[in-house]
Amino acid sequence: MVSVADMLVVGWRPFLDPLNLHSQWWAFLVPLSFLISVTYRAVRMRDLTGYWRAVGVMTVQIILAMIGLGVAAFIFVEYLIPWLAPMPS
């Protein structure tokens, strides 16, 4: 007998029916930036001495850049756009 859980797993199509994790999108920033750093550093470094240090530095740089871009976008949308193009009252 096939259970309901088996049918749900069989029917799940990752690219067509993605998991509903929109409220936890920020939790994927750290693993994504780490894996990007691992891949990029493995391809671009001639000598692998100091590889993990370079990966760590690049991971932190990516995370800080994303936080900075988020803050800049917030300031732009919340403060600069209303100041540049005020709504008619």
PDB file of N, CA and C in Angstrom:
ATOM      1  N   MET A   1       0.844  -1.175   0.000  1.00  0.00           N
ATOM      2  CA  MET A   1       0.000   0.000   0.000  1.00  0.00           C
ATOM      3  C   MET A   1       0.892   1.242   0.000  1.00  0.00           C
ATOM      4  N   VAL A   2       0.540   2.217  -0.779  1.00  0.00           N
ATOM      5  CA  VAL A   2       1.303   3.453  -0.899  1.00  0.00           C
ATOM      6  C   VAL A   2       0.721   4.476   0.068  1.00  0.00           C
ATOM      7  N   SER A   3       1.598   5.063   0.871  1.00  0.00           N
ATOM      8  CA  SER A   3       1.123   6.048   1.846  1.00  0.00           C
ATOM      9  C   SER A   3       1.020   7.429   1.208  1.00  0.00           C
ATOM     10  N   VAL A   4       0.384   8.323   1.911  1.00  0.00           N
ATOM     11  CA  VAL A   4       0.230   9.702   1.438  1.00  0.00           C
ATOM     12  C   VAL A   4       1.587  10.389   1.364  1.00  0.00           C
ATOM     13  N   ALA A   5       2.466  10.115   2.331  1.00  0.00           N
ATOM     14  CA  ALA A   5       3.799  10.727   2.329  1.00  0.00           C
ATOM     15  C   ALA A   5       4.594  10.303   1.101  1.00  0.00           C
ATOM     16  N   ASP A   6       4.473   9.031   0.708  1.00  0.00           N
ATOM     17  CA  ASP A   6       5.163   8.564  -0.497  1.00  0.00           C
ATOM     18  C   ASP A   6       4.642   9.277  -1.734  1.00  0.00           C
ATOM     19  N   MET A   7       3.363   9.476  -1.797  1.00  0.00           N
ATOM     20  CA  MET A   7       2.778  10.164  -2.948  1.00  0.00           C
ATOM     21  C   MET A   7       3.216  11.624  -3.008  1.00  0.00           C
ATOM     22  N   LEU A   8       3.359  12.261  -1.845  1.00  0.00           N
ATOM     23  CA  LEU A   8       3.808  13.650  -1.834  1.00  0.00           C
ATOM     24  C   LEU A   8       5.251  13.764  -2.298  1.00  0.00           C
ATOM     25  N   VAL A   9       6.095  12.822  -1.893  1.00  0.00           N
ATOM     26  CA  VAL A   9       7.495  12.856  -2.308  1.00  0.00           C
ATOM     27  C   VAL A   9       7.614  12.577  -3.797  1.00  0.00           C
ATOM     28  N   VAL A  10       6.836  11.637  -4.296  1.00  0.00           N
ATOM     29  CA  VAL A  10       6.878  11.306  -5.713  1.00  0.00           C
ATOM     30  C   VAL A  10       6.387  12.489  -6.544  1.00  0.00           C
ATOM     31  N   GLY A  11       5.401  13.217  -6.037  1.00  0.00           N
ATOM     32  CA  GLY A  11       4.825  14.318  -6.785  1.00  0.00           C
ATOM     33  C   GLY A  11       5.591  15.625  -6.685  1.00  0.00           C
ATOM     34  N   TRP A  12       6.650  15.664  -5.877  1.00  0.00           N
ATOM     35  CA  TRP A  12       7.386  16.914  -5.706  1.00  0.00           C
ATOM     36  C   TRP A  12       8.370  17.102  -6.841  1.00  0.00           C
ATOM     37  N   ARG A  13       8.268  18.215  -7.547  1.00  0.00           N
ATOM     38  CA  ARG A  13       9.168  18.547  -8.645  1.00  0.00           C
ATOM     39  C   ARG A  13       9.934  19.794  -8.230  1.00  0.00           C
ATOM     40  N   PRO A  14      11.235  19.676  -7.919  1.00  0.00           N
ATOM     41  CA  PRO A  14      11.976  20.773  -7.286  1.00  0.00           C
ATOM     42  C   PRO A  14      11.938  22.095  -8.049  1.00  0.00           C
ATOM     43  N   PHE A  15      12.066  22.060  -9.368  1.00  0.00           N
ATOM     44  CA  PHE A  15      12.118  23.314 -10.106  1.00  0.00           C
ATOM     45  C   PHE A  15      10.735  23.849 -10.457  1.00  0.00           C
ATOM     46  N   LEU A  16       9.755  22.979 -10.507  1.00  0.00           N
ATOM     47  CA  LEU A  16       8.397  23.421 -10.816  1.00  0.00           C
ATOM     48  C   LEU A  16       7.587  23.725  -9.568  1.00  0.00           C
ATOM     49  N   ASP A  17       7.841  22.994  -8.488  1.00  0.00           N
ATOM     50  CA  ASP A  17       7.148  23.187  -7.214  1.00  0.00           C
ATOM     51  C   ASP A  17       8.178  23.393  -6.105  1.00  0.00           C
ATOM     52  N   PRO A  18       8.820  24.548  -6.034  1.00  0.00           N
ATOM     53  CA  PRO A  18       9.858  24.732  -5.012  1.00  0.00           C
ATOM     54  C   PRO A  18       9.259  24.783  -3.609  1.00  0.00           C
ATOM     55  N   LEU A  19      10.108  24.532  -2.621  1.00  0.00           N
ATOM     56  CA  LEU A  19       9.661  24.601  -1.236  1.00  0.00           C
ATOM     57  C   LEU A  19       9.283  26.034  -0.887  1.00  0.00           C
ATOM     58  N   ASN A  20       8.291  26.202  -0.059  1.00  0.00           N
ATOM     59  CA  ASN A  20       7.833  27.524   0.336  1.00  0.00           C
ATOM     60  C   ASN A  20       8.670  28.011   1.521  1.00  0.00           C
ATOM     61  N   LEU A  21       9.836  28.560   1.238  1.00  0.00           N
ATOM     62  CA  LEU A  21      10.745  29.047   2.276  1.00  0.00           C
ATOM     63  C   LEU A  21      11.004  30.543   2.115  1.00  0.00           C
ATOM     64  N   HIS A  22      10.004  31.276   1.673  1.00  0.00           N
ATOM     65  CA  HIS A  22      10.198  32.695   1.410  1.00  0.00           C
ATOM     66  C   HIS A  22      10.508  33.491   2.672  1.00  0.00           C
ATOM     67  N   SER A  23      10.006  33.066   3.803  1.00  0.00           N
ATOM     68  CA  SER A  23      10.275  33.816   5.034  1.00  0.00           C
ATOM     69  C   SER A  23      11.658  33.513   5.600  1.00  0.00           C
ATOM     70  N   GLN A  24      12.304  32.450   5.147  1.00  0.00           N
ATOM     71  CA  GLN A  24      13.646  32.108   5.622  1.00  0.00           C
ATOM     72  C   GLN A  24      14.693  32.259   4.523  1.00  0.00           C
ATOM     73  N   TRP A  25      14.484  33.141   3.561  1.00  0.00           N
ATOM     74  CA  TRP A  25      15.422  33.286   2.449  1.00  0.00           C
ATOM     75  C   TRP A  25      16.807  33.691   2.930  1.00  0.00           C
ATOM     76  N   TRP A  26      16.881  34.477   3.997  1.00  0.00           N
ATOM     77  CA  TRP A  26      18.156  34.992   4.488  1.00  0.00           C
ATOM     78  C   TRP A  26      19.039  33.878   5.039  1.00  0.00           C
ATOM     79  N   ALA A  27      18.455  32.761   5.467  1.00  0.00           N
ATOM     80  CA  ALA A  27      19.248  31.660   6.023  1.00  0.00           C
ATOM     81  C   ALA A  27      20.094  30.978   4.955  1.00  0.00           C
ATOM     82  N   PHE A  28      19.750  31.144   3.700  1.00  0.00           N
ATOM     83  CA  PHE A  28      20.512  30.529   2.624  1.00  0.00           C
ATOM     84  C   PHE A  28      21.681  31.392   2.166  1.00  0.00           C
ATOM     85  N   LEU A  29      21.814  32.599   2.698  1.00  0.00           N
ATOM     86  CA  LEU A  29      22.907  33.481   2.300  1.00  0.00           C
ATOM     87  C   LEU A  29      24.260  32.918   2.704  1.00  0.00           C
ATOM     88  N   VAL A  30      24.378  32.398   3.910  1.00  0.00           N
ATOM     89  CA  VAL A  30      25.672  31.892   4.392  1.00  0.00           C
ATOM     90  C   VAL A  30      26.120  30.659   3.605  1.00  0.00           C
ATOM     91  N   PRO A  31      25.304  29.607   3.456  1.00  0.00           N
ATOM     92  CA  PRO A  31      25.799  28.467   2.677  1.00  0.00           C
ATOM     93  C   PRO A  31      26.029  28.798   1.211  1.00  0.00           C
ATOM     94  N   LEU A  32      25.187  29.652   0.639  1.00  0.00           N
ATOM     95  CA  LEU A  32      25.370  30.021  -0.757  1.00  0.00           C
ATOM     96  C   LEU A  32      26.667  30.788  -0.954  1.00  0.00           C
ATOM     97  N   SER A  33      26.940  31.761  -0.094  1.00  0.00           N
ATOM     98  CA  SER A  33      28.179  32.525  -0.233  1.00  0.00           C
ATOM     99  C   SER A  33      29.398  31.655   0.049  1.00  0.00           C
ATOM    100  N   PHE A  34      29.289  30.709   0.997  1.00  0.00           N
ATOM    101  CA  PHE A  34      30.403  29.799   1.272  1.00  0.00           C
ATOM    102  C   PHE A  34      30.699  28.914   0.064  1.00  0.00           C
ATOM    103  N   LEU A  35      29.664  28.337  -0.535  1.00  0.00           N
ATOM    104  CA  LEU A  35      29.886  27.458  -1.683  1.00  0.00           C
ATOM    105  C   LEU A  35      30.385  28.223  -2.905  1.00  0.00           C
ATOM    106  N   ILE A  36      29.923  29.446  -3.097  1.00  0.00           N
ATOM    107  CA  ILE A  36      30.452  30.278  -4.175  1.00  0.00           C
ATOM    108  C   ILE A  36      31.926  30.568  -3.930  1.00  0.00           C
ATOM    109  N   SER A  37      32.291  30.869  -2.691  1.00  0.00           N
ATOM    110  CA  SER A  37      33.685  31.156  -2.354  1.00  0.00           C
ATOM    111  C   SER A  37      34.573  29.934  -2.546  1.00  0.00           C
ATOM    112  N   VAL A  38      34.104  28.771  -2.118  1.00  0.00           N
ATOM    113  CA  VAL A  38      34.879  27.536  -2.287  1.00  0.00           C
ATOM    114  C   VAL A  38      35.145  27.277  -3.765  1.00  0.00           C
ATOM    115  N   THR A  39      34.114  27.404  -4.583  1.00  0.00           N
ATOM    116  CA  THR A  39      34.255  27.139  -6.012  1.00  0.00           C
ATOM    117  C   THR A  39      35.156  28.166  -6.684  1.00  0.00           C
ATOM    118  N   TYR A  40      34.926  29.433  -6.413  1.00  0.00           N
ATOM    119  CA  TYR A  40      35.698  30.488  -7.059  1.00  0.00           C
ATOM    120  C   TYR A  40      37.170  30.403  -6.675  1.00  0.00           C
ATOM    121  N   ARG A  41      37.443  30.218  -5.386  1.00  0.00           N
ATOM    122  CA  ARG A  41      38.833  30.149  -4.931  1.00  0.00           C
ATOM    123  C   ARG A  41      39.539  28.904  -5.454  1.00  0.00           C
ATOM    124  N   ALA A  42      38.825  27.794  -5.575  1.00  0.00           N
ATOM    125  CA  ALA A  42      39.440  26.571  -6.098  1.00  0.00           C
ATOM    126  C   ALA A  42      39.855  26.742  -7.554  1.00  0.00           C
ATOM    127  N   VAL A  43      39.100  27.525  -8.295  1.00  0.00           N
ATOM    128  CA  VAL A  43      39.417  27.730  -9.706  1.00  0.00           C
ATOM    129  C   VAL A  43      40.473  28.812  -9.888  1.00  0.00           C
ATOM    130  N   ARG A  44      40.428  29.875  -9.103  1.00  0.00           N
ATOM    131  CA  ARG A  44      41.262  31.046  -9.352  1.00  0.00           C
ATOM    132  C   ARG A  44      42.621  31.043  -8.664  1.00  0.00           C
ATOM    133  N   MET A  45      42.813  30.258  -7.608  1.00  0.00           N
ATOM    134  CA  MET A  45      44.094  30.284  -6.901  1.00  0.00           C
ATOM    135  C   MET A  45      45.094  29.371  -7.606  1.00  0.00           C
ATOM    136  N   ARG A  46      46.315  29.878  -7.812  1.00  0.00           N
ATOM    137  CA  ARG A  46      47.370  29.072  -8.428  1.00  0.00           C
ATOM    138  C   ARG A  46      47.947  28.082  -7.424  1.00  0.00           C
ATOM    139  N   ASP A  47      48.148  28.539  -6.193  1.00  0.00           N
ATOM    140  CA  ASP A  47      48.697  27.704  -5.129  1.00  0.00           C
ATOM    141  C   ASP A  47      47.665  27.649  -4.009  1.00  0.00           C
ATOM    142  N   LEU A  48      47.401  26.462  -3.491  1.00  0.00           N
ATOM    143  CA  LEU A  48      46.323  26.310  -2.521  1.00  0.00           C
ATOM    144  C   LEU A  48      46.749  26.543  -1.083  1.00  0.00           C
ATOM    145  N   THR A  49      47.941  27.093  -0.862  1.00  0.00           N
ATOM    146  CA  THR A  49      48.301  27.473   0.506  1.00  0.00           C
ATOM    147  C   THR A  49      47.471  28.695   0.880  1.00  0.00           C
ATOM    148  N   GLY A  50      46.863  28.643   2.026  1.00  0.00           N
ATOM    149  CA  GLY A  50      45.986  29.727   2.460  1.00  0.00           C
ATOM    150  C   GLY A  50      44.617  29.678   1.814  1.00  0.00           C
ATOM    151  N   TYR A  51      44.252  28.518   1.295  1.00  0.00           N
ATOM    152  CA  TYR A  51      42.975  28.376   0.587  1.00  0.00           C
ATOM    153  C   TYR A  51      41.782  28.634   1.501  1.00  0.00           C
ATOM    154  N   TRP A  52      41.748  27.983   2.665  1.00  0.00           N
ATOM    155  CA  TRP A  52      40.589  28.111   3.543  1.00  0.00           C
ATOM    156  C   TRP A  52      40.485  29.502   4.139  1.00  0.00           C
ATOM    157  N   ARG A  53      41.617  30.147   4.356  1.00  0.00           N
ATOM    158  CA  ARG A  53      41.578  31.534   4.835  1.00  0.00           C
ATOM    159  C   ARG A  53      40.973  32.432   3.762  1.00  0.00           C
ATOM    160  N   ALA A  54      41.390  32.233   2.517  1.00  0.00           N
ATOM    161  CA  ALA A  54      40.849  33.023   1.410  1.00  0.00           C
ATOM    162  C   ALA A  54      39.355  32.762   1.226  1.00  0.00           C
ATOM    163  N   VAL A  55      38.942  31.515   1.415  1.00  0.00           N
ATOM    164  CA  VAL A  55      37.516  31.184   1.321  1.00  0.00           C
ATOM    165  C   VAL A  55      36.737  31.895   2.422  1.00  0.00           C
ATOM    166  N   GLY A  56      37.269  31.883   3.638  1.00  0.00           N
ATOM    167  CA  GLY A  56      36.596  32.559   4.751  1.00  0.00           C
ATOM    168  C   GLY A  56      36.488  34.055   4.538  1.00  0.00           C
ATOM    169  N   VAL A  57      37.579  34.663   4.065  1.00  0.00           N
ATOM    170  CA  VAL A  57      37.562  36.107   3.809  1.00  0.00           C
ATOM    171  C   VAL A  57      36.550  36.446   2.725  1.00  0.00           C
ATOM    172  N   MET A  58      36.526  35.662   1.666  1.00  0.00           N
ATOM    173  CA  MET A  58      35.593  35.945   0.578  1.00  0.00           C
ATOM    174  C   MET A  58      34.144  35.722   1.014  1.00  0.00           C
ATOM    175  N   THR A  59      33.902  34.719   1.844  1.00  0.00           N
ATOM    176  CA  THR A  59      32.550  34.480   2.360  1.00  0.00           C
ATOM    177  C   THR A  59      32.067  35.674   3.173  1.00  0.00           C
ATOM    178  N   VAL A  60      32.920  36.175   4.047  1.00  0.00           N
ATOM    179  CA  VAL A  60      32.560  37.345   4.857  1.00  0.00           C
ATOM    180  C   VAL A  60      32.345  38.560   3.963  1.00  0.00           C
ATOM    181  N   GLN A  61      33.175  38.728   2.935  1.00  0.00           N
ATOM    182  CA  GLN A  61      33.003  39.852   2.018  1.00  0.00           C
ATOM    183  C   GLN A  61      31.659  39.784   1.296  1.00  0.00           C
ATOM    184  N   ILE A  62      31.282  38.604   0.845  1.00  0.00           N
ATOM    185  CA  ILE A  62      29.998  38.457   0.147  1.00  0.00           C
ATOM    186  C   ILE A  62      28.837  38.775   1.082  1.00  0.00           C
ATOM    187  N   ILE A  63      28.888  38.249   2.311  1.00  0.00           N
ATOM    188  CA  ILE A  63      27.799  38.486   3.266  1.00  0.00           C
ATOM    189  C   ILE A  63      27.694  39.966   3.606  1.00  0.00           C
ATOM    190  N   LEU A  64      28.825  40.619   3.867  1.00  0.00           N
ATOM    191  CA  LEU A  64      28.801  42.054   4.180  1.00  0.00           C
ATOM    192  C   LEU A  64      28.335  42.882   2.989  1.00  0.00           C
ATOM    193  N   ALA A  65      28.715  42.471   1.785  1.00  0.00           N
ATOM    194  CA  ALA A  65      28.257  43.188   0.592  1.00  0.00           C
ATOM    195  C   ALA A  65      26.744  43.065   0.426  1.00  0.00           C
ATOM    196  N   MET A  66      26.194  41.891   0.684  1.00  0.00           N
ATOM    197  CA  MET A  66      24.743  41.710   0.577  1.00  0.00           C
ATOM    198  C   MET A  66      23.997  42.526   1.629  1.00  0.00           C
ATOM    199  N   ILE A  67      24.541  42.573   2.843  1.00  0.00           N
ATOM    200  CA  ILE A  67      23.927  43.397   3.887  1.00  0.00           C
ATOM    201  C   ILE A  67      23.994  44.866   3.495  1.00  0.00           C
ATOM    202  N   GLY A  68      25.134  45.304   2.983  1.00  0.00           N
ATOM    203  CA  GLY A  68      25.286  46.690   2.548  1.00  0.00           C
ATOM    204  C   GLY A  68      24.354  47.047   1.405  1.00  0.00           C
ATOM    205  N   LEU A  69      24.208  46.141   0.450  1.00  0.00           N
ATOM    206  CA  LEU A  69      23.280  46.394  -0.653  1.00  0.00           C
ATOM    207  C   LEU A  69      21.831  46.450  -0.170  1.00  0.00           C
ATOM    208  N   GLY A  70      21.492  45.622   0.801  1.00  0.00           N
ATOM    209  CA  GLY A  70      20.142  45.668   1.369  1.00  0.00           C
ATOM    210  C   GLY A  70      19.867  46.979   2.079  1.00  0.00           C
ATOM    211  N   VAL A  71      20.843  47.455   2.851  1.00  0.00           N
ATOM    212  CA  VAL A  71      20.693  48.741   3.550  1.00  0.00           C
ATOM    213  C   VAL A  71      20.597  49.878   2.542  1.00  0.00           C
ATOM    214  N   ALA A  72      21.427  49.836   1.505  1.00  0.00           N
ATOM    215  CA  ALA A  72      21.389  50.883   0.480  1.00  0.00           C
ATOM    216  C   ALA A  72      20.046  50.893  -0.253  1.00  0.00           C
ATOM    217  N   ALA A  73      19.515  49.721  -0.570  1.00  0.00           N
ATOM    218  CA  ALA A  73      18.215  49.652  -1.239  1.00  0.00           C
ATOM    219  C   ALA A  73      17.104  50.173  -0.331  1.00  0.00           C
ATOM    220  N   PHE A  74      17.175  49.856   0.965  1.00  0.00           N
ATOM    221  CA  PHE A  74      16.180  50.351   1.913  1.00  0.00           C
ATOM    222  C   PHE A  74      16.218  51.876   1.990  1.00  0.00           C
ATOM    223  N   ILE A  75      17.412  52.440   2.111  1.00  0.00           N
ATOM    224  CA  ILE A  75      17.549  53.900   2.183  1.00  0.00           C
ATOM    225  C   ILE A  75      17.047  54.546   0.902  1.00  0.00           C
ATOM    226  N   PHE A  76      17.368  53.953  -0.237  1.00  0.00           N
ATOM    227  CA  PHE A  76      16.936  54.504  -1.515  1.00  0.00           C
ATOM    228  C   PHE A  76      15.413  54.509  -1.630  1.00  0.00           C
ATOM    229  N   VAL A  77      14.787  53.396  -1.295  1.00  0.00           N
ATOM    230  CA  VAL A  77      13.335  53.283  -1.467  1.00  0.00           C
ATOM    231  C   VAL A  77      12.579  54.089  -0.418  1.00  0.00           C
ATOM    232  N   GLU A  78      13.030  54.060   0.823  1.00  0.00           N
ATOM    233  CA  GLU A  78      12.278  54.690   1.905  1.00  0.00           C
ATOM    234  C   GLU A  78      12.541  56.190   2.043  1.00  0.00           C
ATOM    235  N   TYR A  79      13.727  56.651   1.659  1.00  0.00           N
ATOM    236  CA  TYR A  79      14.072  58.051   1.904  1.00  0.00           C
ATOM    237  C   TYR A  79      14.351  58.842   0.628  1.00  0.00           C
ATOM    238  N   LEU A  80      15.144  58.304  -0.282  1.00  0.00           N
ATOM    239  CA  LEU A  80      15.526  59.087  -1.453  1.00  0.00           C
ATOM    240  C   LEU A  80      14.402  59.234  -2.471  1.00  0.00           C
ATOM    241  N   ILE A  81      13.684  58.182  -2.759  1.00  0.00           N
ATOM    242  CA  ILE A  81      12.594  58.291  -3.734  1.00  0.00           C
ATOM    243  C   ILE A  81      11.501  59.241  -3.250  1.00  0.00           C
ATOM    244  N   PRO A  82      11.033  59.160  -1.982  1.00  0.00           N
ATOM    245  CA  PRO A  82      10.038  60.153  -1.542  1.00  0.00           C
ATOM    246  C   PRO A  82      10.579  61.583  -1.540  1.00  0.00           C
ATOM    247  N   TRP A  83      11.869  61.747  -1.329  1.00  0.00           N
ATOM    248  CA  TRP A  83      12.447  63.089  -1.336  1.00  0.00           C
ATOM    249  C   TRP A  83      12.584  63.618  -2.759  1.00  0.00           C
ATOM    250  N   LEU A  84      12.961  62.758  -3.709  1.00  0.00           N
ATOM    251  CA  LEU A  84      13.138  63.183  -5.096  1.00  0.00           C
ATOM    252  C   LEU A  84      11.810  63.356  -5.830  1.00  0.00           C
ATOM    253  N   ALA A  85      10.847  62.503  -5.552  1.00  0.00           N
ATOM    254  CA  ALA A  85       9.559  62.559  -6.240  1.00  0.00           C
ATOM    255  C   ALA A  85       8.435  62.462  -5.213  1.00  0.00           C
ATOM    256  N   PRO A  86       8.140  63.563  -4.520  1.00  0.00           N
ATOM    257  CA  PRO A  86       7.094  63.497  -3.489  1.00  0.00           C
ATOM    258  C   PRO A  86       5.714  63.285  -4.109  1.00  0.00           C
ATOM    259  N   MET A  87       4.880  62.603  -3.368  1.00  0.00           N
ATOM    260  CA  MET A  87       3.506  62.363  -3.810  1.00  0.00           C
ATOM    261  C   MET A  87       2.710  63.661  -3.661  1.00  0.00           C
ATOM    262  N   PRO A  88       1.869  63.968  -4.635  1.00  0.00           N
ATOM    263  CA  PRO A  88       1.042  65.171  -4.483  1.00  0.00           C
ATOM    264  C   PRO A  88       0.053  64.990  -3.337  1.00  0.00           C
ATOM    265  N   SER A  89      -0.069  66.037  -2.515  1.00  0.00           N
ATOM    266  CA  SER A  89      -0.944  65.907  -1.345  1.00  0.00           C
ATOM    267  C   SER A  89      -2.291  66.520  -1.514  1.00  0.00           C
TER     268      SER A  89
END
